[in-house]
Amino acid sequence: MVDADGADALVNYQVVGRYYVVDRLFQRAVLVSGTGKERQEITIARMGA
């Protein structure tokens, strides 16, 4: 996830079926796969209420 300061922060999670279930709520999170030129990111952002 991305904390209030914009820094990356790790969160605990579990895989339930085909879903990732995180242990806390967040405003923005980034799923990262790979490193260097192979790095891919997907951003998840909470929209209004």
PDB file of N, CA and C in Angstrom:
ATOM      1  N   MET A   1       0.828  -1.166   0.000  1.00  0.00           N
ATOM      2  CA  MET A   1       0.000   0.000   0.000  1.00  0.00           C
ATOM      3  C   MET A   1       0.875   1.233   0.000  1.00  0.00           C
ATOM      4  N   VAL A   2       0.266   2.383  -0.206  1.00  0.00           N
ATOM      5  CA  VAL A   2       0.986   3.653  -0.168  1.00  0.00           C
ATOM      6  C   VAL A   2       0.468   4.411   1.046  1.00  0.00           C
ATOM      7  N   ASP A   3       1.378   4.800   1.968  1.00  0.00           N
ATOM      8  CA  ASP A   3       0.931   5.470   3.183  1.00  0.00           C
ATOM      9  C   ASP A   3       0.644   6.951   2.945  1.00  0.00           C
ATOM     10  N   ALA A   4       0.232   7.655   3.986  1.00  0.00           N
ATOM     11  CA  ALA A   4      -0.171   9.063   3.869  1.00  0.00           C
ATOM     12  C   ALA A   4       0.956   9.964   3.369  1.00  0.00           C
ATOM     13  N   ASP A   5       2.215   9.564   3.587  1.00  0.00           N
ATOM     14  CA  ASP A   5       3.361  10.344   3.130  1.00  0.00           C
ATOM     15  C   ASP A   5       3.771  10.020   1.702  1.00  0.00           C
ATOM     16  N   GLY A   6       3.085   9.062   1.075  1.00  0.00           N
ATOM     17  CA  GLY A   6       3.411   8.655  -0.288  1.00  0.00           C
ATOM     18  C   GLY A   6       4.474   7.575  -0.372  1.00  0.00           C
ATOM     19  N   ALA A   7       4.897   7.054   0.776  1.00  0.00           N
ATOM     20  CA  ALA A   7       5.910   5.994   0.796  1.00  0.00           C
ATOM     21  C   ALA A   7       5.249   4.623   0.697  1.00  0.00           C
ATOM     22  N   ASP A   8       5.954   3.692   0.070  1.00  0.00           N
ATOM     23  CA  ASP A   8       5.455   2.322  -0.008  1.00  0.00           C
ATOM     24  C   ASP A   8       5.487   1.684   1.375  1.00  0.00           C
ATOM     25  N   ALA A   9       4.478   0.872   1.682  1.00  0.00           N
ATOM     26  CA  ALA A   9       4.414   0.156   2.949  1.00  0.00           C
ATOM     27  C   ALA A   9       3.873  -1.245   2.670  1.00  0.00           C
ATOM     28  N   LEU A  10       4.472  -2.241   3.280  1.00  0.00           N
ATOM     29  CA  LEU A  10       4.007  -3.614   3.119  1.00  0.00           C
ATOM     30  C   LEU A  10       2.812  -3.866   4.021  1.00  0.00           C
ATOM     31  N   VAL A  11       1.888  -4.701   3.564  1.00  0.00           N
ATOM     32  CA  VAL A  11       0.746  -5.089   4.380  1.00  0.00           C
ATOM     33  C   VAL A  11       0.613  -6.603   4.364  1.00  0.00           C
ATOM     34  N   ASN A  12       0.074  -7.141   5.433  1.00  0.00           N
ATOM     35  CA  ASN A  12      -0.211  -8.572   5.481  1.00  0.00           C
ATOM     36  C   ASN A  12      -1.432  -8.858   4.614  1.00  0.00           C
ATOM     37  N   TYR A  13      -1.429 -10.021   3.989  1.00  0.00           N
ATOM     38  CA  TYR A  13      -2.557 -10.410   3.152  1.00  0.00           C
ATOM     39  C   TYR A  13      -2.668 -11.924   3.126  1.00  0.00           C
ATOM     40  N   GLN A  14      -3.795 -12.396   2.646  1.00  0.00           N
ATOM     41  CA  GLN A  14      -3.974 -13.823   2.407  1.00  0.00           C
ATOM     42  C   GLN A  14      -4.702 -13.993   1.080  1.00  0.00           C
ATOM     43  N   VAL A  15      -4.504 -15.128   0.469  1.00  0.00           N
ATOM     44  CA  VAL A  15      -5.181 -15.415  -0.793  1.00  0.00           C
ATOM     45  C   VAL A  15      -6.367 -16.304  -0.468  1.00  0.00           C
ATOM     46  N   VAL A  16      -7.555 -15.840  -0.853  1.00  0.00           N
ATOM     47  CA  VAL A  16      -8.783 -16.593  -0.640  1.00  0.00           C
ATOM     48  C   VAL A  16      -9.389 -16.826  -2.020  1.00  0.00           C
ATOM     49  N   GLY A  17      -9.273 -18.066  -2.497  1.00  0.00           N
ATOM     50  CA  GLY A  17      -9.728 -18.345  -3.861  1.00  0.00           C
ATOM     51  C   GLY A  17      -8.892 -17.552  -4.843  1.00  0.00           C
ATOM     52  N   ARG A  18      -9.529 -16.674  -5.604  1.00  0.00           N
ATOM     53  CA  ARG A  18      -8.798 -15.855  -6.567  1.00  0.00           C
ATOM     54  C   ARG A  18      -8.656 -14.403  -6.115  1.00  0.00           C
ATOM     55  N   TYR A  19      -8.871 -14.158  -4.828  1.00  0.00           N
ATOM     56  CA  TYR A  19      -8.808 -12.800  -4.274  1.00  0.00           C
ATOM     57  C   TYR A  19      -7.644 -12.650  -3.299  1.00  0.00           C
ATOM     58  N   TYR A  20      -7.065 -11.465  -3.258  1.00  0.00           N
ATOM     59  CA  TYR A  20      -6.100 -11.095  -2.227  1.00  0.00           C
ATOM     60  C   TYR A  20      -6.879 -10.316  -1.169  1.00  0.00           C
ATOM     61  N   VAL A  21      -6.808 -10.739   0.082  1.00  0.00           N
ATOM     62  CA  VAL A  21      -7.514 -10.073   1.171  1.00  0.00           C
ATOM     63  C   VAL A  21      -6.459  -9.459   2.083  1.00  0.00           C
ATOM     64  N   VAL A  22      -6.460  -8.109   2.173  1.00  0.00           N
ATOM     65  CA  VAL A  22      -5.476  -7.419   3.008  1.00  0.00           C
ATOM     66  C   VAL A  22      -6.055  -7.193   4.401  1.00  0.00           C
ATOM     67  N   ASP A  23      -5.151  -7.017   5.370  1.00  0.00           N
ATOM     68  CA  ASP A  23      -5.558  -6.904   6.771  1.00  0.00           C
ATOM     69  C   ASP A  23      -5.961  -5.499   7.191  1.00  0.00           C
ATOM     70  N   ARG A  24      -5.995  -4.548   6.272  1.00  0.00           N
ATOM     71  CA  ARG A  24      -6.382  -3.188   6.629  1.00  0.00           C
ATOM     72  C   ARG A  24      -6.963  -2.458   5.436  1.00  0.00           C
ATOM     73  N   LEU A  25      -7.644  -1.354   5.715  1.00  0.00           N
ATOM     74  CA  LEU A  25      -8.191  -0.522   4.651  1.00  0.00           C
ATOM     75  C   LEU A  25      -7.112   0.442   4.176  1.00  0.00           C
ATOM     76  N   PHE A  26      -7.195   0.856   2.915  1.00  0.00           N
ATOM     77  CA  PHE A  26      -6.213   1.784   2.375  1.00  0.00           C
ATOM     78  C   PHE A  26      -6.873   2.690   1.351  1.00  0.00           C
ATOM     79  N   GLN A  27      -6.277   3.850   1.138  1.00  0.00           N
ATOM     80  CA  GLN A  27      -6.748   4.765   0.102  1.00  0.00           C
ATOM     81  C   GLN A  27      -6.144   4.407  -1.258  1.00  0.00           C
ATOM     82  N   ARG A  28      -4.887   3.946  -1.239  1.00  0.00           N
ATOM     83  CA  ARG A  28      -4.196   3.621  -2.476  1.00  0.00           C
ATOM     84  C   ARG A  28      -3.216   2.480  -2.227  1.00  0.00           C
ATOM     85  N   ALA A  29      -3.173   1.550  -3.153  1.00  0.00           N
ATOM     86  CA  ALA A  29      -2.230   0.435  -3.067  1.00  0.00           C
ATOM     87  C   ALA A  29      -1.660   0.178  -4.457  1.00  0.00           C
ATOM     88  N   VAL A  30      -0.478  -0.419  -4.485  1.00  0.00           N
ATOM     89  CA  VAL A  30       0.172  -0.737  -5.748  1.00  0.00           C
ATOM     90  C   VAL A  30       0.624  -2.184  -5.691  1.00  0.00           C
ATOM     91  N   LEU A  31       0.164  -2.990  -6.648  1.00  0.00           N
ATOM     92  CA  LEU A  31       0.641  -4.367  -6.788  1.00  0.00           C
ATOM     93  C   LEU A  31       1.851  -4.321  -7.709  1.00  0.00           C
ATOM     94  N   VAL A  32       2.963  -4.922  -7.284  1.00  0.00           N
ATOM     95  CA  VAL A  32       4.202  -4.875  -8.054  1.00  0.00           C
ATOM     96  C   VAL A  32       4.649  -6.291  -8.370  1.00  0.00           C
ATOM     97  N   SER A  33       5.033  -6.506  -9.623  1.00  0.00           N
ATOM     98  CA  SER A  33       5.568  -7.786 -10.055  1.00  0.00           C
ATOM     99  C   SER A  33       6.856  -7.524 -10.819  1.00  0.00           C
ATOM    100  N   GLY A  34       7.919  -8.238 -10.478  1.00  0.00           N
ATOM    101  CA  GLY A  34       9.179  -8.113 -11.196  1.00  0.00           C
ATOM    102  C   GLY A  34      10.040  -6.969 -10.691  1.00  0.00           C
ATOM    103  N   THR A  35      11.218  -6.827 -11.323  1.00  0.00           N
ATOM    104  CA  THR A  35      12.171  -5.778 -10.971  1.00  0.00           C
ATOM    105  C   THR A  35      12.791  -5.205 -12.238  1.00  0.00           C
ATOM    106  N   GLY A  36      13.406  -4.041 -12.103  1.00  0.00           N
ATOM    107  CA  GLY A  36      14.103  -3.423 -13.233  1.00  0.00           C
ATOM    108  C   GLY A  36      13.180  -3.199 -14.418  1.00  0.00           C
ATOM    109  N   LYS A  37      13.656  -3.535 -15.614  1.00  0.00           N
ATOM    110  CA  LYS A  37      12.856  -3.338 -16.833  1.00  0.00           C
ATOM    111  C   LYS A  37      11.632  -4.239 -16.874  1.00  0.00           C
ATOM    112  N   GLU A  38      11.668  -5.318 -16.110  1.00  0.00           N
ATOM    113  CA  GLU A  38      10.549  -6.274 -16.084  1.00  0.00           C
ATOM    114  C   GLU A  38       9.475  -5.883 -15.080  1.00  0.00           C
ATOM    115  N   ARG A  39       9.695  -4.822 -14.302  1.00  0.00           N
ATOM    116  CA  ARG A  39       8.749  -4.402 -13.256  1.00  0.00           C
ATOM    117  C   ARG A  39       7.433  -3.946 -13.873  1.00  0.00           C
ATOM    118  N   GLN A  40       6.345  -4.452 -13.307  1.00  0.00           N
ATOM    119  CA  GLN A  40       5.008  -4.036 -13.712  1.00  0.00           C
ATOM    120  C   GLN A  40       4.241  -3.627 -12.459  1.00  0.00           C
ATOM    121  N   GLU A  41       3.432  -2.580 -12.567  1.00  0.00           N
ATOM    122  CA  GLU A  41       2.664  -2.090 -11.433  1.00  0.00           C
ATOM    123  C   GLU A  41       1.196  -1.939 -11.811  1.00  0.00           C
ATOM    124  N   ILE A  42       0.342  -2.244 -10.855  1.00  0.00           N
ATOM    125  CA  ILE A  42      -1.107  -1.986 -10.984  1.00  0.00           C
ATOM    126  C   ILE A  42      -1.506  -1.199  -9.750  1.00  0.00           C
ATOM    127  N   THR A  43      -2.133  -0.055  -9.945  1.00  0.00           N
ATOM    128  CA  THR A  43      -2.557   0.790  -8.836  1.00  0.00           C
ATOM    129  C   THR A  43      -4.040   0.574  -8.546  1.00  0.00           C
ATOM    130  N   ILE A  44      -4.353   0.450  -7.256  1.00  0.00           N
ATOM    131  CA  ILE A  44      -5.735   0.311  -6.795  1.00  0.00           C
ATOM    132  C   ILE A  44      -6.018   1.546  -5.949  1.00  0.00           C
ATOM    133  N   ALA A  45      -7.061   2.289  -6.303  1.00  0.00           N
ATOM    134  CA  ALA A  45      -7.376   3.512  -5.561  1.00  0.00           C
ATOM    135  C   ALA A  45      -8.836   3.492  -5.130  1.00  0.00           C
ATOM    136  N   ARG A  46      -9.062   3.897  -3.882  1.00  0.00           N
ATOM    137  CA  ARG A  46     -10.423   3.982  -3.375  1.00  0.00           C
ATOM    138  C   ARG A  46     -11.072   5.240  -3.940  1.00  0.00           C
ATOM    139  N   MET A  47     -12.257   5.076  -4.500  1.00  0.00           N
ATOM    140  CA  MET A  47     -13.020   6.197  -5.022  1.00  0.00           C
ATOM    141  C   MET A  47     -13.977   6.653  -3.931  1.00  0.00           C
ATOM    142  N   GLY A  48     -14.595   7.806  -4.058  1.00  0.00           N
ATOM    143  CA  GLY A  48     -15.510   8.376  -3.054  1.00  0.00           C
ATOM    144  C   GLY A  48     -16.446   7.373  -2.412  1.00  0.00           C
ATOM    145  N   ALA A  49     -17.146   7.808  -1.393  1.00  0.00           N
ATOM    146  CA  ALA A  49     -18.049   6.950  -0.626  1.00  0.00           C
ATOM    147  C   ALA A  49     -19.214   6.443  -1.404  1.00  0.00           C
TER     148      ALA A  49
END
